[in-house]
Structures are given as structure tokens and as C-alpha cells.
Amino acid sequence: AYLLGVGVYDFLCCLIGTMLMSKSCGLDDAAWWKYMCVIMLGLVISIILGAAIGVLAKDQMAATSLSVPVMCLFTFLPMMAQFNDTIDKVAKFLYTQQLYLALTDINNVKIGTEGLIIIAANAIIILAFFVLAFRKEGLKK
């Protein structure tokens, strides 16, 4: 219940900020809703990954030390993939790269079958990582 409460709070804070900023972009309603769905999907997966890292960490300081490099990897690889074919070959297997590709044409948001499979596989792996971390550590700390 605690992790769900923290996760929902994080989700809502990020969502409100995204809604406020994205409304100023002038997207039509259909494109805006697609954009928001892609963002929400990314938020949920990222929050679960962050929760798993937080559960495994010794304390809050350790959680930050562990989560920052992981999130940098997931955040920056899609950007670096634009400039380097080798990085692109690796980044294509990350959910963040697939979400980036889905949002490349903001007025025509779409995710292909391969993208959906990669996102689903990432989500399953991250959820399994969270379940294993929670079973191992729980909220003992």
C-alpha cells in the first residue's frame, strides 16, 4: 500500500506537469490523448523500475546512487541513438526508445507491433524485477 501510494503520487505529479506543458503545444485533442497515453505508459514502467531499485537499496541515499545511473541509461540512450548506429541497435530494445519513436511525429502518435512487443517485454521484465526485489527485501527497512 505504501509503494502504491508513493507511486500514485509520483504518477500524478508527473502527469499534471506533462498535461500543463503539452496543452501549450497546440495539439488537437486526438493527438493529445495519444501523447498522454504514451507518456502514462512510460511513467508507470519507470515508477515500477524506480520502486524496485528503492526496495533493494539499503537506504534513500543508496537508492539515489543506484537509480540515477539506471535512469540516465534509459533516458539518454534514445537521444544518443539518433547519432550512433551501434547505440541505436542496443537502444531499440528499451521501452524508452520505443516510446521516443512513438512520439517522433507528435501529431501522428503510433507504436508498431515490434514496438509494442518490446515495451511489453520490458514491462514484464521490470515487473518481475520488482516482484523479486519485493519478495527479497519487502519494506523491512
Protein backbone atom coordinates (compact mmCIF):
# COMPACT_ATOMS: atom_id res chain seq x y z
CA ALA A 1 0.00 0.00 0.00
CA TYR A 2 2.87 2.37 0.81
CA LEU A 3 4.60 1.83 -2.55
CA LEU A 4 1.30 2.19 -4.36
CA GLY A 5 0.63 5.47 -2.57
CA VAL A 6 4.07 6.85 -3.39
CA GLY A 7 3.81 5.59 -6.97
CA VAL A 8 0.40 7.19 -7.49
CA TYR A 9 1.69 10.48 -6.06
CA ASP A 10 4.71 10.42 -8.41
CA PHE A 11 2.50 9.47 -11.34
CA LEU A 12 0.02 12.29 -10.69
CA CYS A 13 2.72 14.92 -10.18
CA CYS A 14 4.45 13.96 -13.43
CA LEU A 15 1.13 13.71 -15.24
CA ILE A 16 -0.02 17.15 -14.13
CA GLY A 17 3.25 18.71 -15.27
CA THR A 18 3.04 16.89 -18.60
CA MET A 19 -0.57 17.94 -19.09
CA LEU A 20 0.20 21.58 -18.42
CA MET A 21 3.21 21.66 -20.74
CA SER A 22 1.65 19.58 -23.51
CA LYS A 23 -1.52 21.66 -23.67
CA SER A 24 0.57 24.65 -24.70
CA CYS A 25 1.90 22.76 -27.77
CA GLY A 26 -1.32 23.19 -29.74
CA LEU A 27 -2.01 19.50 -30.34
CA ASP A 28 -5.51 18.58 -31.43
CA ASP A 29 -7.48 16.53 -28.91
CA ALA A 30 -6.93 13.13 -30.57
CA ALA A 31 -3.16 13.60 -30.82
CA TRP A 32 -3.03 15.00 -27.28
CA TRP A 33 -4.77 11.91 -25.84
CA LYS A 34 -2.43 9.58 -27.73
CA TYR A 35 0.53 11.58 -26.46
CA MET A 36 -0.75 11.35 -22.89
CA CYS A 37 -1.29 7.59 -23.17
CA VAL A 38 2.29 7.06 -24.35
CA ILE A 39 3.60 9.26 -21.53
CA MET A 40 1.46 7.44 -18.93
CA LEU A 41 2.77 4.09 -20.13
CA GLY A 42 6.34 5.30 -19.74
CA LEU A 43 5.59 6.75 -16.31
CA VAL A 44 4.11 3.51 -15.00
CA ILE A 45 7.04 1.39 -16.21
CA SER A 46 9.59 3.88 -14.88
CA ILE A 47 7.88 4.14 -11.49
CA ILE A 48 7.89 0.35 -11.12
CA LEU A 49 11.60 0.26 -12.03
CA GLY A 50 12.32 3.02 -9.52
CA ALA A 51 10.32 1.21 -6.84
CA ALA A 52 12.29 -2.00 -7.43
CA ILE A 53 15.58 -0.14 -7.10
CA GLY A 54 14.30 1.63 -3.98
CA VAL A 55 13.23 -1.64 -2.36
CA LEU A 56 16.64 -3.20 -2.98
CA ALA A 57 18.62 -0.19 -1.79
CA LYS A 58 19.99 -0.03 1.74
CA ASP A 59 18.62 3.48 2.34
CA GLN A 60 17.44 6.57 0.48
CA MET A 61 20.98 7.71 -0.29
CA ALA A 62 21.83 4.33 -1.81
CA ALA A 63 18.57 4.34 -3.78
CA THR A 64 19.54 7.64 -5.38
CA SER A 65 23.04 6.38 -6.13
CA LEU A 66 21.58 3.31 -7.84
CA SER A 67 18.62 4.87 -9.62
CA VAL A 68 20.34 7.88 -11.20
CA PRO A 69 22.70 5.84 -13.44
CA VAL A 70 19.89 3.46 -14.38
CA MET A 71 17.52 6.28 -15.28
CA CYS A 72 20.31 8.10 -17.17
CA LEU A 73 20.80 4.96 -19.24
CA PHE A 74 17.09 4.70 -20.03
CA THR A 75 16.80 8.45 -20.67
CA PHE A 76 19.91 9.21 -22.68
CA LEU A 77 20.25 6.10 -24.86
CA PRO A 78 17.27 7.10 -27.06
CA MET A 79 18.84 10.52 -27.58
CA MET A 80 22.30 9.11 -28.31
CA ALA A 81 20.78 6.52 -30.67
CA GLN A 82 19.95 9.35 -33.06
CA PHE A 83 23.66 9.94 -33.64
CA ASN A 84 25.19 6.48 -33.38
CA ASP A 85 24.04 3.32 -35.19
CA THR A 86 25.66 0.99 -32.67
CA ILE A 87 23.85 2.63 -29.78
CA ASP A 88 20.64 2.56 -31.84
CA LYS A 89 20.95 -1.23 -32.20
CA VAL A 90 21.09 -1.56 -28.40
CA ALA A 91 18.62 1.18 -27.52
CA LYS A 92 15.90 -0.27 -29.74
CA PHE A 93 15.34 -2.95 -27.09
CA LEU A 94 14.49 -0.41 -24.38
CA TYR A 95 10.96 0.78 -23.72
CA THR A 96 12.17 4.37 -23.62
CA GLN A 97 13.48 4.15 -27.19
CA GLN A 98 10.16 2.72 -28.38
CA LEU A 99 8.23 5.47 -26.61
CA TYR A 100 10.56 8.06 -28.14
CA LEU A 101 9.96 6.59 -31.60
CA ALA A 102 6.20 6.61 -30.99
CA LEU A 103 6.34 10.32 -30.20
CA THR A 104 8.66 11.28 -33.07
CA ASP A 105 5.71 12.51 -35.13
CA ILE A 106 3.70 14.11 -32.34
CA ASN A 107 0.57 14.64 -34.47
CA ASN A 108 0.60 11.03 -35.62
CA VAL A 109 1.46 9.07 -32.47
CA LYS A 110 1.71 5.36 -33.19
CA ILE A 111 3.50 2.29 -31.91
CA GLY A 112 4.07 -0.62 -34.29
CA THR A 113 3.82 -4.30 -33.42
CA GLU A 114 7.56 -4.60 -32.80
CA GLY A 115 7.43 -1.55 -30.52
CA LEU A 116 4.50 -2.98 -28.56
CA ILE A 117 6.30 -6.29 -28.12
CA ILE A 118 9.47 -4.56 -26.90
CA ILE A 119 7.52 -2.33 -24.50
CA ALA A 120 5.53 -5.30 -23.18
CA ALA A 121 8.70 -7.38 -22.74
CA ASN A 122 10.40 -4.50 -20.89
CA ALA A 123 7.33 -4.04 -18.68
CA ILE A 124 7.21 -7.75 -17.84
CA ILE A 125 10.95 -7.87 -17.06
CA ILE A 126 10.74 -4.75 -14.89
CA LEU A 127 7.63 -6.02 -13.10
CA ALA A 128 9.36 -9.37 -12.45
CA PHE A 129 12.40 -7.46 -11.15
CA PHE A 130 10.12 -5.54 -8.78
CA VAL A 131 8.35 -8.71 -7.58
CA LEU A 132 11.69 -10.43 -6.93
CA ALA A 133 13.08 -7.37 -5.16
CA PHE A 134 9.97 -7.02 -3.02
CA ARG A 135 9.95 -10.72 -2.10
CA LYS A 136 13.63 -10.49 -1.16
CA GLU A 137 13.53 -7.23 0.79
CA GLY A 138 9.90 -6.20 1.31
CA LEU A 139 9.59 -3.00 3.30
CA LYS A 140 11.89 -4.18 6.10
CA LYS A 141 13.93 -1.00 6.14
